[in-house]
Amino acid sequence: MIKKINWNEVPAEQVNPSMKRKMIYGEQVMIAKIKLKDGFVVPLHSHENEQITEVVQGTIRFWFGANGEQQLDVHAGESVVIPGNLPHKALMIGDVEEIDIFAPPRQDWLTGTDDYLK
């Protein structure tokens, strides 16, 4: 079934005091528009889902690997592709607006069991 969605009509979820997101998803893919406050840290985690993050505003400093052995700054206008099951954490440098794409959709986000963000 084809669905037409207006982002202005998608409810925003206040995940924690520093993170707000909107999500659209189908059977195979999810896209999320996320706003994060300066200094917020997404703790080390991993998930089966392949992830593409596009930074619209600000900078996200990522650490990849179980011990954070690879560091990468992603600036506005840049994207990063994160393979499934790769441990990663992130620091927001400046207020950040970003778009995340996941395949398949993040079930923990849909069910509210993403406790590492709360």
PDB file of N, CA and C in Angstrom:
ATOM      1  N   MET A   1       0.840  -1.178   0.000  1.00  0.00           N
ATOM      2  CA  MET A   1       0.000   0.000   0.000  1.00  0.00           C
ATOM      3  C   MET A   1       0.890   1.248   0.000  1.00  0.00           C
ATOM      4  N   ILE A   2       0.505   2.215  -0.766  1.00  0.00           N
ATOM      5  CA  ILE A   2       1.239   3.477  -0.849  1.00  0.00           C
ATOM      6  C   ILE A   2       0.713   4.423   0.223  1.00  0.00           C
ATOM      7  N   LYS A   3       1.658   5.048   0.958  1.00  0.00           N
ATOM      8  CA  LYS A   3       1.283   6.005   1.993  1.00  0.00           C
ATOM      9  C   LYS A   3       1.971   7.332   1.698  1.00  0.00           C
ATOM     10  N   LYS A   4       1.211   8.414   1.702  1.00  0.00           N
ATOM     11  CA  LYS A   4       1.778   9.762   1.584  1.00  0.00           C
ATOM     12  C   LYS A   4       1.767  10.367   2.985  1.00  0.00           C
ATOM     13  N   ILE A   5       2.928  10.869   3.402  1.00  0.00           N
ATOM     14  CA  ILE A   5       3.066  11.367   4.771  1.00  0.00           C
ATOM     15  C   ILE A   5       3.650  12.775   4.745  1.00  0.00           C
ATOM     16  N   ASN A   6       3.082  13.661   5.538  1.00  0.00           N
ATOM     17  CA  ASN A   6       3.592  15.021   5.703  1.00  0.00           C
ATOM     18  C   ASN A   6       4.351  15.068   7.031  1.00  0.00           C
ATOM     19  N   TRP A   7       5.657  15.406   6.985  1.00  0.00           N
ATOM     20  CA  TRP A   7       6.461  15.446   8.215  1.00  0.00           C
ATOM     21  C   TRP A   7       5.836  16.356   9.270  1.00  0.00           C
ATOM     22  N   ASN A   8       5.141  17.419   8.845  1.00  0.00           N
ATOM     23  CA  ASN A   8       4.525  18.338   9.803  1.00  0.00           C
ATOM     24  C   ASN A   8       3.412  17.681  10.605  1.00  0.00           C
ATOM     25  N   GLU A   9       2.896  16.554  10.110  1.00  0.00           N
ATOM     26  CA  GLU A   9       1.824  15.851  10.802  1.00  0.00           C
ATOM     27  C   GLU A   9       2.327  14.650  11.607  1.00  0.00           C
ATOM     28  N   VAL A  10       3.621  14.366  11.527  1.00  0.00           N
ATOM     29  CA  VAL A  10       4.196  13.250  12.281  1.00  0.00           C
ATOM     30  C   VAL A  10       4.473  13.730  13.712  1.00  0.00           C
ATOM     31  N   PRO A  11       3.947  13.046  14.714  1.00  0.00           N
ATOM     32  CA  PRO A  11       4.177  13.495  16.088  1.00  0.00           C
ATOM     33  C   PRO A  11       5.648  13.363  16.493  1.00  0.00           C
ATOM     34  N   ALA A  12       6.132  14.337  17.227  1.00  0.00           N
ATOM     35  CA  ALA A  12       7.503  14.312  17.745  1.00  0.00           C
ATOM     36  C   ALA A  12       7.504  13.611  19.100  1.00  0.00           C
ATOM     37  N   GLU A  13       8.492  12.753  19.281  1.00  0.00           N
ATOM     38  CA  GLU A  13       8.670  12.043  20.551  1.00  0.00           C
ATOM     39  C   GLU A  13       9.840  12.673  21.296  1.00  0.00           C
ATOM     40  N   GLN A  14       9.598  13.129  22.529  1.00  0.00           N
ATOM     41  CA  GLN A  14      10.663  13.649  23.379  1.00  0.00           C
ATOM     42  C   GLN A  14      11.282  12.453  24.083  1.00  0.00           C
ATOM     43  N   VAL A  15      12.375  11.923  23.535  1.00  0.00           N
ATOM     44  CA  VAL A  15      12.992  10.697  24.039  1.00  0.00           C
ATOM     45  C   VAL A  15      13.623  10.938  25.404  1.00  0.00           C
ATOM     46  N   ASN A  16      14.290  12.077  25.541  1.00  0.00           N
ATOM     47  CA  ASN A  16      14.898  12.519  26.800  1.00  0.00           C
ATOM     48  C   ASN A  16      15.020  14.033  26.698  1.00  0.00           C
ATOM     49  N   PRO A  17      15.478  14.728  27.732  1.00  0.00           N
ATOM     50  CA  PRO A  17      15.521  16.187  27.660  1.00  0.00           C
ATOM     51  C   PRO A  17      16.388  16.745  26.523  1.00  0.00           C
ATOM     52  N   SER A  18      17.304  15.932  25.981  1.00  0.00           N
ATOM     53  CA  SER A  18      18.224  16.401  24.947  1.00  0.00           C
ATOM     54  C   SER A  18      17.941  15.824  23.568  1.00  0.00           C
ATOM     55  N   MET A  19      16.887  15.018  23.417  1.00  0.00           N
ATOM     56  CA  MET A  19      16.650  14.334  22.139  1.00  0.00           C
ATOM     57  C   MET A  19      15.171  14.281  21.803  1.00  0.00           C
ATOM     58  N   LYS A  20      14.862  14.748  20.589  1.00  0.00           N
ATOM     59  CA  LYS A  20      13.502  14.693  20.069  1.00  0.00           C
ATOM     60  C   LYS A  20      13.558  14.063  18.681  1.00  0.00           C
ATOM     61  N   ARG A  21      12.608  13.169  18.367  1.00  0.00           N
ATOM     62  CA  ARG A  21      12.633  12.517  17.054  1.00  0.00           C
ATOM     63  C   ARG A  21      11.227  12.330  16.485  1.00  0.00           C
ATOM     64  N   LYS A  22      11.208  12.260  15.151  1.00  0.00           N
ATOM     65  CA  LYS A  22      10.024  11.898  14.387  1.00  0.00           C
ATOM     66  C   LYS A  22      10.416  10.710  13.521  1.00  0.00           C
ATOM     67  N   MET A  23       9.494   9.752  13.342  1.00  0.00           N
ATOM     68  CA  MET A  23       9.827   8.546  12.588  1.00  0.00           C
ATOM     69  C   MET A  23       8.744   8.222  11.569  1.00  0.00           C
ATOM     70  N   ILE A  24       9.198   7.772  10.415  1.00  0.00           N
ATOM     71  CA  ILE A  24       8.327   7.203   9.392  1.00  0.00           C
ATOM     72  C   ILE A  24       8.937   5.855   9.035  1.00  0.00           C
ATOM     73  N   TYR A  25       8.107   4.835   8.879  1.00  0.00           N
ATOM     74  CA  TYR A  25       8.661   3.522   8.575  1.00  0.00           C
ATOM     75  C   TYR A  25       7.685   2.700   7.736  1.00  0.00           C
ATOM     76  N   GLY A  26       8.285   1.798   6.996  1.00  0.00           N
ATOM     77  CA  GLY A  26       7.533   0.803   6.245  1.00  0.00           C
ATOM     78  C   GLY A  26       7.946  -0.565   6.738  1.00  0.00           C
ATOM     79  N   GLU A  27       7.782  -1.572   5.900  1.00  0.00           N
ATOM     80  CA  GLU A  27       8.146  -2.927   6.300  1.00  0.00           C
ATOM     81  C   GLU A  27       9.656  -3.136   6.322  1.00  0.00           C
ATOM     82  N   GLN A  28      10.392  -2.473   5.431  1.00  0.00           N
ATOM     83  CA  GLN A  28      11.810  -2.750   5.247  1.00  0.00           C
ATOM     84  C   GLN A  28      12.744  -1.619   5.655  1.00  0.00           C
ATOM     85  N   VAL A  29      12.231  -0.408   5.854  1.00  0.00           N
ATOM     86  CA  VAL A  29      13.108   0.732   6.116  1.00  0.00           C
ATOM     87  C   VAL A  29      12.421   1.732   7.050  1.00  0.00           C
ATOM     88  N   MET A  30      13.233   2.468   7.798  1.00  0.00           N
ATOM     89  CA  MET A  30      12.765   3.513   8.707  1.00  0.00           C
ATOM     90  C   MET A  30      13.608   4.756   8.474  1.00  0.00           C
ATOM     91  N   ILE A  31      12.960   5.912   8.525  1.00  0.00           N
ATOM     92  CA  ILE A  31      13.677   7.184   8.477  1.00  0.00           C
ATOM     93  C   ILE A  31      13.241   8.006   9.689  1.00  0.00           C
ATOM     94  N   ALA A  32      14.217   8.636  10.332  1.00  0.00           N
ATOM     95  CA  ALA A  32      13.932   9.439  11.521  1.00  0.00           C
ATOM     96  C   ALA A  32      14.600  10.793  11.383  1.00  0.00           C
ATOM     97  N   LYS A  33      13.860  11.844  11.705  1.00  0.00           N
ATOM     98  CA  LYS A  33      14.421  13.189  11.802  1.00  0.00           C
ATOM     99  C   LYS A  33      14.619  13.457  13.291  1.00  0.00           C
ATOM    100  N   ILE A  34      15.856  13.812  13.648  1.00  0.00           N
ATOM    101  CA  ILE A  34      16.207  13.896  15.064  1.00  0.00           C
ATOM    102  C   ILE A  34      16.875  15.240  15.360  1.00  0.00           C
ATOM    103  N   LYS A  35      16.503  15.828  16.505  1.00  0.00           N
ATOM    104  CA  LYS A  35      17.148  17.038  17.019  1.00  0.00           C
ATOM    105  C   LYS A  35      17.781  16.678  18.350  1.00  0.00           C
ATOM    106  N   LEU A  36      19.071  17.048  18.496  1.00  0.00           N
ATOM    107  CA  LEU A  36      19.832  16.721  19.712  1.00  0.00           C
ATOM    108  C   LEU A  36      20.550  17.968  20.206  1.00  0.00           C
ATOM    109  N   LYS A  37      20.625  18.117  21.508  1.00  0.00           N
ATOM    110  CA  LYS A  37      21.265  19.284  22.099  1.00  0.00           C
ATOM    111  C   LYS A  37      22.782  19.097  22.207  1.00  0.00           C
ATOM    112  N   ASP A  38      23.481  20.216  22.156  1.00  0.00           N
ATOM    113  CA  ASP A  38      24.937  20.244  22.290  1.00  0.00           C
ATOM    114  C   ASP A  38      25.372  19.480  23.542  1.00  0.00           C
ATOM    115  N   GLY A  39      26.364  18.622  23.379  1.00  0.00           N
ATOM    116  CA  GLY A  39      26.925  17.881  24.503  1.00  0.00           C
ATOM    117  C   GLY A  39      26.254  16.552  24.788  1.00  0.00           C
ATOM    118  N   PHE A  40      25.114  16.284  24.155  1.00  0.00           N
ATOM    119  CA  PHE A  40      24.438  15.002  24.405  1.00  0.00           C
ATOM    120  C   PHE A  40      25.285  13.854  23.867  1.00  0.00           C
ATOM    121  N   VAL A  41      25.358  12.779  24.640  1.00  0.00           N
ATOM    122  CA  VAL A  41      26.113  11.594  24.237  1.00  0.00           C
ATOM    123  C   VAL A  41      25.140  10.430  24.042  1.00  0.00           C
ATOM    124  N   VAL A  42      25.199   9.828  22.864  1.00  0.00           N
ATOM    125  CA  VAL A  42      24.500   8.565  22.634  1.00  0.00           C
ATOM    126  C   VAL A  42      25.457   7.473  23.108  1.00  0.00           C
ATOM    127  N   PRO A  43      25.089   6.721  24.150  1.00  0.00           N
ATOM    128  CA  PRO A  43      26.008   5.725  24.711  1.00  0.00           C
ATOM    129  C   PRO A  43      26.376   4.629  23.710  1.00  0.00           C
ATOM    130  N   LEU A  44      27.463   3.944  24.004  1.00  0.00           N
ATOM    131  CA  LEU A  44      27.900   2.832  23.169  1.00  0.00           C
ATOM    132  C   LEU A  44      26.774   1.810  23.058  1.00  0.00           C
ATOM    133  N   HIS A  45      26.478   1.426  21.836  1.00  0.00           N
ATOM    134  CA  HIS A  45      25.430   0.447  21.575  1.00  0.00           C
ATOM    135  C   HIS A  45      25.662  -0.165  20.200  1.00  0.00           C
ATOM    136  N   SER A  46      24.928  -1.202  19.896  1.00  0.00           N
ATOM    137  CA  SER A  46      24.943  -1.775  18.552  1.00  0.00           C
ATOM    138  C   SER A  46      23.556  -2.322  18.274  1.00  0.00           C
ATOM    139  N   HIS A  47      23.267  -2.544  17.008  1.00  0.00           N
ATOM    140  CA  HIS A  47      21.980  -3.069  16.579  1.00  0.00           C
ATOM    141  C   HIS A  47      22.172  -3.774  15.250  1.00  0.00           C
ATOM    142  N   GLU A  48      21.266  -4.674  14.954  1.00  0.00           N
ATOM    143  CA  GLU A  48      21.367  -5.442  13.718  1.00  0.00           C
ATOM    144  C   GLU A  48      21.192  -4.580  12.479  1.00  0.00           C
ATOM    145  N   ASN A  49      20.569  -3.433  12.632  1.00  0.00           N
ATOM    146  CA  ASN A  49      20.169  -2.598  11.511  1.00  0.00           C
ATOM    147  C   ASN A  49      21.347  -1.866  10.882  1.00  0.00           C
ATOM    148  N   GLU A  50      21.408  -1.878   9.563  1.00  0.00           N
ATOM    149  CA  GLU A  50      22.319  -0.978   8.868  1.00  0.00           C
ATOM    150  C   GLU A  50      21.779   0.432   9.065  1.00  0.00           C
ATOM    151  N   GLN A  51      22.676   1.402   9.221  1.00  0.00           N
ATOM    152  CA  GLN A  51      22.272   2.774   9.530  1.00  0.00           C
ATOM    153  C   GLN A  51      23.006   3.739   8.616  1.00  0.00           C
ATOM    154  N   ILE A  52      22.279   4.708   8.103  1.00  0.00           N
ATOM    155  CA  ILE A  52      22.894   5.837   7.403  1.00  0.00           C
ATOM    156  C   ILE A  52      22.484   7.084   8.172  1.00  0.00           C
ATOM    157  N   THR A  53      23.461   7.877   8.577  1.00  0.00           N
ATOM    158  CA  THR A  53      23.202   9.129   9.285  1.00  0.00           C
ATOM    159  C   THR A  53      23.654  10.284   8.419  1.00  0.00           C
ATOM    160  N   GLU A  54      22.740  11.224   8.182  1.00  0.00           N
ATOM    161  CA  GLU A  54      23.045  12.458   7.455  1.00  0.00           C
ATOM    162  C   GLU A  54      22.936  13.618   8.445  1.00  0.00           C
ATOM    163  N   VAL A  55      23.999  14.390   8.579  1.00  0.00           N
ATOM    164  CA  VAL A  55      23.985  15.534   9.481  1.00  0.00           C
ATOM    165  C   VAL A  55      23.502  16.755   8.703  1.00  0.00           C
ATOM    166  N   VAL A  56      22.457  17.394   9.207  1.00  0.00           N
ATOM    167  CA  VAL A  56      21.880  18.578   8.577  1.00  0.00           C
ATOM    168  C   VAL A  56      22.461  19.839   9.208  1.00  0.00           C
ATOM    169  N   GLN A  57      22.669  19.808  10.525  1.00  0.00           N
ATOM    170  CA  GLN A  57      23.206  20.956  11.279  1.00  0.00           C
ATOM    171  C   GLN A  57      24.071  20.431  12.406  1.00  0.00           C
ATOM    172  N   GLY A  58      25.185  21.131  12.670  1.00  0.00           N
ATOM    173  CA  GLY A  58      26.070  20.740  13.753  1.00  0.00           C
ATOM    174  C   GLY A  58      27.059  19.673  13.312  1.00  0.00           C
ATOM    175  N   THR A  59      27.678  19.026  14.298  1.00  0.00           N
ATOM    176  CA  THR A  59      28.663  17.973  14.053  1.00  0.00           C
ATOM    177  C   THR A  59      28.394  16.828  15.018  1.00  0.00           C
ATOM    178  N   ILE A  60      28.528  15.606  14.517  1.00  0.00           N
ATOM    179  CA  ILE A  60      28.451  14.422  15.377  1.00  0.00           C
ATOM    180  C   ILE A  60      29.818  13.755  15.364  1.00  0.00           C
ATOM    181  N   ARG A  61      30.395  13.570  16.548  1.00  0.00           N
ATOM    182  CA  ARG A  61      31.648  12.825  16.684  1.00  0.00           C
ATOM    183  C   ARG A  61      31.285  11.388  17.058  1.00  0.00           C
ATOM    184  N   PHE A  62      31.616  10.463  16.177  1.00  0.00           N
ATOM    185  CA  PHE A  62      31.352   9.046  16.392  1.00  0.00           C
ATOM    186  C   PHE A  62      32.620   8.347  16.846  1.00  0.00           C
ATOM    187  N   TRP A  63      32.433   7.323  17.671  1.00  0.00           N
ATOM    188  CA  TRP A  63      33.478   6.350  17.989  1.00  0.00           C
ATOM    189  C   TRP A  63      32.928   4.994  17.587  1.00  0.00           C
ATOM    190  N   PHE A  64      33.724   4.232  16.842  1.00  0.00           N
ATOM    191  CA  PHE A  64      33.305   2.921  16.354  1.00  0.00           C
ATOM    192  C   PHE A  64      34.196   1.840  16.938  1.00  0.00           C
ATOM    193  N   GLY A  65      33.619   0.658  17.162  1.00  0.00           N
ATOM    194  CA  GLY A  65      34.348  -0.471  17.723  1.00  0.00           C
ATOM    195  C   GLY A  65      34.060  -0.597  19.198  1.00  0.00           C
ATOM    196  N   ALA A  66      34.273  -1.788  19.735  1.00  0.00           N
ATOM    197  CA  ALA A  66      33.974  -2.071  21.136  1.00  0.00           C
ATOM    198  C   ALA A  66      34.731  -1.160  22.089  1.00  0.00           C
ATOM    199  N   ASN A  67      35.927  -0.717  21.685  1.00  0.00           N
ATOM    200  CA  ASN A  67      36.745   0.166  22.525  1.00  0.00           C
ATOM    201  C   ASN A  67      36.854   1.571  21.947  1.00  0.00           C
ATOM    202  N   GLY A  68      35.988   1.905  20.987  1.00  0.00           N
ATOM    203  CA  GLY A  68      36.022   3.235  20.386  1.00  0.00           C
ATOM    204  C   GLY A  68      37.298   3.509  19.619  1.00  0.00           C
ATOM    205  N   GLU A  69      37.864   2.460  19.016  1.00  0.00           N
ATOM    206  CA  GLU A  69      39.175   2.596  18.385  1.00  0.00           C
ATOM    207  C   GLU A  69      39.191   3.469  17.134  1.00  0.00           C
ATOM    208  N   GLN A  70      38.042   3.671  16.494  1.00  0.00           N
ATOM    209  CA  GLN A  70      38.000   4.540  15.314  1.00  0.00           C
ATOM    210  C   GLN A  70      37.101   5.728  15.609  1.00  0.00           C
ATOM    211  N   GLN A  71      37.613   6.938  15.418  1.00  0.00           N
ATOM    212  CA  GLN A  71      36.854   8.162  15.659  1.00  0.00           C
ATOM    213  C   GLN A  71      36.626   8.863  14.333  1.00  0.00           C
ATOM    214  N   LEU A  72      35.428   9.450  14.170  1.00  0.00           N
ATOM    215  CA  LEU A  72      35.080  10.129  12.936  1.00  0.00           C
ATOM    216  C   LEU A  72      34.130  11.274  13.238  1.00  0.00           C
ATOM    217  N   ASP A  73      34.453  12.484  12.761  1.00  0.00           N
ATOM    218  CA  ASP A  73      33.549  13.623  12.875  1.00  0.00           C
ATOM    219  C   ASP A  73      32.755  13.746  11.583  1.00  0.00           C
ATOM    220  N   VAL A  74      31.440  13.864  11.721  1.00  0.00           N
ATOM    221  CA  VAL A  74      30.552  14.022  10.574  1.00  0.00           C
ATOM    222  C   VAL A  74      29.887  15.388  10.715  1.00  0.00           C
ATOM    223  N   HIS A  75      30.129  16.247   9.732  1.00  0.00           N
ATOM    224  CA  HIS A  75      29.676  17.639   9.760  1.00  0.00           C
ATOM    225  C   HIS A  75      28.412  17.818   8.915  1.00  0.00           C
ATOM    226  N   ALA A  76      27.779  18.978   9.058  1.00  0.00           N
ATOM    227  CA  ALA A  76      26.596  19.303   8.263  1.00  0.00           C
ATOM    228  C   ALA A  76      26.909  19.094   6.781  1.00  0.00           C
ATOM    229  N   GLY A  77      25.994  18.421   6.092  1.00  0.00           N
ATOM    230  CA  GLY A  77      26.174  18.132   4.676  1.00  0.00           C
ATOM    231  C   GLY A  77      26.880  16.812   4.415  1.00  0.00           C
ATOM    232  N   GLU A  78      27.307  16.116   5.480  1.00  0.00           N
ATOM    233  CA  GLU A  78      28.006  14.839   5.333  1.00  0.00           C
ATOM    234  C   GLU A  78      27.150  13.704   5.890  1.00  0.00           C
ATOM    235  N   SER A  79      27.453  12.500   5.428  1.00  0.00           N
ATOM    236  CA  SER A  79      26.751  11.294   5.880  1.00  0.00           C
ATOM    237  C   SER A  79      27.759  10.215   6.219  1.00  0.00           C
ATOM    238  N   VAL A  80      27.312   9.238   6.995  1.00  0.00           N
ATOM    239  CA  VAL A  80      28.134   8.073   7.322  1.00  0.00           C
ATOM    240  C   VAL A  80      27.242   6.834   7.224  1.00  0.00           C
ATOM    241  N   VAL A  81      27.790   5.760   6.698  1.00  0.00           N
ATOM    242  CA  VAL A  81      27.095   4.480   6.620  1.00  0.00           C
ATOM    243  C   VAL A  81      27.688   3.583   7.709  1.00  0.00           C
ATOM    244  N   ILE A  82      26.832   3.102   8.599  1.00  0.00           N
ATOM    245  CA  ILE A  82      27.269   2.273   9.730  1.00  0.00           C
ATOM    246  C   ILE A  82      26.726   0.861   9.526  1.00  0.00           C
ATOM    247  N   PRO A  83      27.612  -0.118   9.362  1.00  0.00           N
ATOM    248  CA  PRO A  83      27.146  -1.503   9.178  1.00  0.00           C
ATOM    249  C   PRO A  83      26.401  -2.012  10.410  1.00  0.00           C
ATOM    250  N   GLY A  84      25.503  -2.947  10.187  1.00  0.00           N
ATOM    251  CA  GLY A  84      24.800  -3.580  11.298  1.00  0.00           C
ATOM    252  C   GLY A  84      25.776  -4.251  12.257  1.00  0.00           C
ATOM    253  N   ASN A  85      25.425  -4.257  13.537  1.00  0.00           N
ATOM    254  CA  ASN A  85      26.176  -4.921  14.615  1.00  0.00           C
ATOM    255  C   ASN A  85      27.517  -4.276  14.948  1.00  0.00           C
ATOM    256  N   LEU A  86      27.817  -3.099  14.401  1.00  0.00           N
ATOM    257  CA  LEU A  86      29.059  -2.402  14.737  1.00  0.00           C
ATOM    258  C   LEU A  86      28.823  -1.520  15.963  1.00  0.00           C
ATOM    259  N   PRO A  87      29.504  -1.773  17.091  1.00  0.00           N
ATOM    260  CA  PRO A  87      29.335  -0.909  18.259  1.00  0.00           C
ATOM    261  C   PRO A  87      29.742   0.531  17.921  1.00  0.00           C
ATOM    262  N   HIS A  88      28.944   1.488  18.414  1.00  0.00           N
ATOM    263  CA  HIS A  88      29.251   2.891  18.182  1.00  0.00           C
ATOM    264  C   HIS A  88      28.607   3.755  19.263  1.00  0.00           C
ATOM    265  N   LYS A  89      29.239   4.918  19.488  1.00  0.00           N
ATOM    266  CA  LYS A  89      28.661   5.938  20.355  1.00  0.00           C
ATOM    267  C   LYS A  89      28.893   7.271  19.673  1.00  0.00           C
ATOM    268  N   ALA A  90      28.214   8.324  20.167  1.00  0.00           N
ATOM    269  CA  ALA A  90      28.287   9.608  19.476  1.00  0.00           C
ATOM    270  C   ALA A  90      28.153  10.765  20.455  1.00  0.00           C
ATOM    271  N   LEU A  91      28.854  11.850  20.149  1.00  0.00           N
ATOM    272  CA  LEU A  91      28.800  13.099  20.907  1.00  0.00           C
ATOM    273  C   LEU A  91      28.301  14.196  19.987  1.00  0.00           C
ATOM    274  N   MET A  92      27.315  14.983  20.455  1.00  0.00           N
ATOM    275  CA  MET A  92      26.810  16.102  19.674  1.00  0.00           C
ATOM    276  C   MET A  92      27.673  17.333  19.946  1.00  0.00           C
ATOM    277  N   ILE A  93      28.197  17.912  18.881  1.00  0.00           N
ATOM    278  CA  ILE A  93      29.007  19.123  18.974  1.00  0.00           C
ATOM    279  C   ILE A  93      28.188  20.242  18.350  1.00  0.00           C
ATOM    280  N   GLY A  94      27.666  21.117  19.211  1.00  0.00           N
ATOM    281  CA  GLY A  94      26.672  22.095  18.789  1.00  0.00           C
ATOM    282  C   GLY A  94      25.312  21.412  18.774  1.00  0.00           C
ATOM    283  N   ASP A  95      24.261  22.218  18.649  1.00  0.00           N
ATOM    284  CA  ASP A  95      22.936  21.622  18.496  1.00  0.00           C
ATOM    285  C   ASP A  95      22.909  20.918  17.145  1.00  0.00           C
ATOM    286  N   VAL A  96      22.410  19.697  17.131  1.00  0.00           N
ATOM    287  CA  VAL A  96      22.477  18.857  15.930  1.00  0.00           C
ATOM    288  C   VAL A  96      21.077  18.546  15.420  1.00  0.00           C
ATOM    289  N   GLU A  97      20.936  18.650  14.113  1.00  0.00           N
ATOM    290  CA  GLU A  97      19.778  18.109  13.412  1.00  0.00           C
ATOM    291  C   GLU A  97      20.318  17.074  12.453  1.00  0.00           C
ATOM    292  N   GLU A  98      19.708  15.900  12.459  1.00  0.00           N
ATOM    293  CA  GLU A  98      20.197  14.824  11.600  1.00  0.00           C
ATOM    294  C   GLU A  98      19.056  13.938  11.161  1.00  0.00           C
ATOM    295  N   ILE A  99      19.331  13.152  10.137  1.00  0.00           N
ATOM    296  CA  ILE A  99      18.379  12.189   9.603  1.00  0.00           C
ATOM    297  C   ILE A  99      19.037  10.822   9.674  1.00  0.00           C
ATOM    298  N   ASP A 100      18.350   9.866  10.289  1.00  0.00           N
ATOM    299  CA  ASP A 100      18.826   8.483  10.352  1.00  0.00           C
ATOM    300  C   ASP A 100      17.922   7.615   9.491  1.00  0.00           C
ATOM    301  N   ILE A 101      18.546   6.724   8.749  1.00  0.00           N
ATOM    302  CA  ILE A 101      17.827   5.734   7.967  1.00  0.00           C
ATOM    303  C   ILE A 101      18.287   4.362   8.450  1.00  0.00           C
ATOM    304  N   PHE A 102      17.331   3.488   8.729  1.00  0.00           N
ATOM    305  CA  PHE A 102      17.641   2.148   9.222  1.00  0.00           C
ATOM    306  C   PHE A 102      16.965   1.093   8.351  1.00  0.00           C
ATOM    307  N   ALA A 103      17.675   0.009   8.105  1.00  0.00           N
ATOM    308  CA  ALA A 103      17.080  -1.149   7.443  1.00  0.00           C
ATOM    309  C   ALA A 103      17.571  -2.389   8.165  1.00  0.00           C
ATOM    310  N   PRO A 104      16.663  -3.221   8.644  1.00  0.00           N
ATOM    311  CA  PRO A 104      15.221  -2.998   8.734  1.00  0.00           C
ATOM    312  C   PRO A 104      14.885  -1.953   9.798  1.00  0.00           C
ATOM    313  N   PRO A 105      13.600  -1.577   9.947  1.00  0.00           N
ATOM    314  CA  PRO A 105      13.223  -0.599  10.976  1.00  0.00           C
ATOM    315  C   PRO A 105      13.671  -1.030  12.369  1.00  0.00           C
ATOM    316  N   ARG A 106      13.987  -0.052  13.203  1.00  0.00           N
ATOM    317  CA  ARG A 106      14.415  -0.308  14.578  1.00  0.00           C
ATOM    318  C   ARG A 106      13.210  -0.685  15.439  1.00  0.00           C
ATOM    319  N   GLN A 107      13.081  -1.950  15.757  1.00  0.00           N
ATOM    320  CA  GLN A 107      11.956  -2.406  16.564  1.00  0.00           C
ATOM    321  C   GLN A 107      12.008  -1.831  17.981  1.00  0.00           C
ATOM    322  N   ASP A 108      13.233  -1.640  18.528  1.00  0.00           N
ATOM    323  CA  ASP A 108      13.325  -1.080  19.884  1.00  0.00           C
ATOM    324  C   ASP A 108      12.807   0.355  19.925  1.00  0.00           C
ATOM    325  N   TRP A 109      12.947   1.099  18.841  1.00  0.00           N
ATOM    326  CA  TRP A 109      12.394   2.454  18.777  1.00  0.00           C
ATOM    327  C   TRP A 109      10.871   2.410  18.672  1.00  0.00           C
ATOM    328  N   LEU A 110      10.369   1.461  17.917  1.00  0.00           N
ATOM    329  CA  LEU A 110       8.923   1.362  17.725  1.00  0.00           C
ATOM    330  C   LEU A 110       8.215   0.890  18.984  1.00  0.00           C
ATOM    331  N   THR A 111       8.860   0.040  19.770  1.00  0.00           N
ATOM    332  CA  THR A 111       8.231  -0.501  20.977  1.00  0.00           C
ATOM    333  C   THR A 111       8.586   0.300  22.231  1.00  0.00           C
ATOM    334  N   GLY A 112       9.514   1.263  22.106  1.00  0.00           N
ATOM    335  CA  GLY A 112       9.907   2.061  23.268  1.00  0.00           C
ATOM    336  C   GLY A 112      10.860   1.357  24.206  1.00  0.00           C
ATOM    337  N   THR A 113      11.543   0.315  23.720  1.00  0.00           N
ATOM    338  CA  THR A 113      12.472  -0.432  24.574  1.00  0.00           C
ATOM    339  C   THR A 113      13.922   0.016  24.366  1.00  0.00           C
ATOM    340  N   ASP A 114      14.113   1.202  23.801  1.00  0.00           N
ATOM    341  CA  ASP A 114      15.468   1.751  23.573  1.00  0.00           C
ATOM    342  C   ASP A 114      15.953   2.475  24.821  1.00  0.00           C
ATOM    343  N   ASP A 115      16.072   1.730  25.923  1.00  0.00           N
ATOM    344  CA  ASP A 115      16.404   2.298  27.232  1.00  0.00           C
ATOM    345  C   ASP A 115      17.751   2.995  27.263  1.00  0.00           C
ATOM    346  N   TYR A 116      18.684   2.616  26.392  1.00  0.00           N
ATOM    347  CA  TYR A 116      20.005   3.245  26.386  1.00  0.00           C
ATOM    348  C   TYR A 116      19.917   4.738  26.047  1.00  0.00           C
ATOM    349  N   LEU A 117      18.810   5.186  25.466  1.00  0.00           N
ATOM    350  CA  LEU A 117      18.643   6.603  25.123  1.00  0.00           C
ATOM    351  C   LEU A 117      17.871   7.385  26.187  1.00  0.00           C
ATOM    352  N   LYS A 118      17.321   6.693  27.168  1.00  0.00           N
ATOM    353  CA  LYS A 118      16.420   7.365  28.109  1.00  0.00           C
ATOM    354  C   LYS A 118      17.054   7.614  29.452  1.00  0.00           C
TER     355      LYS A 118
END
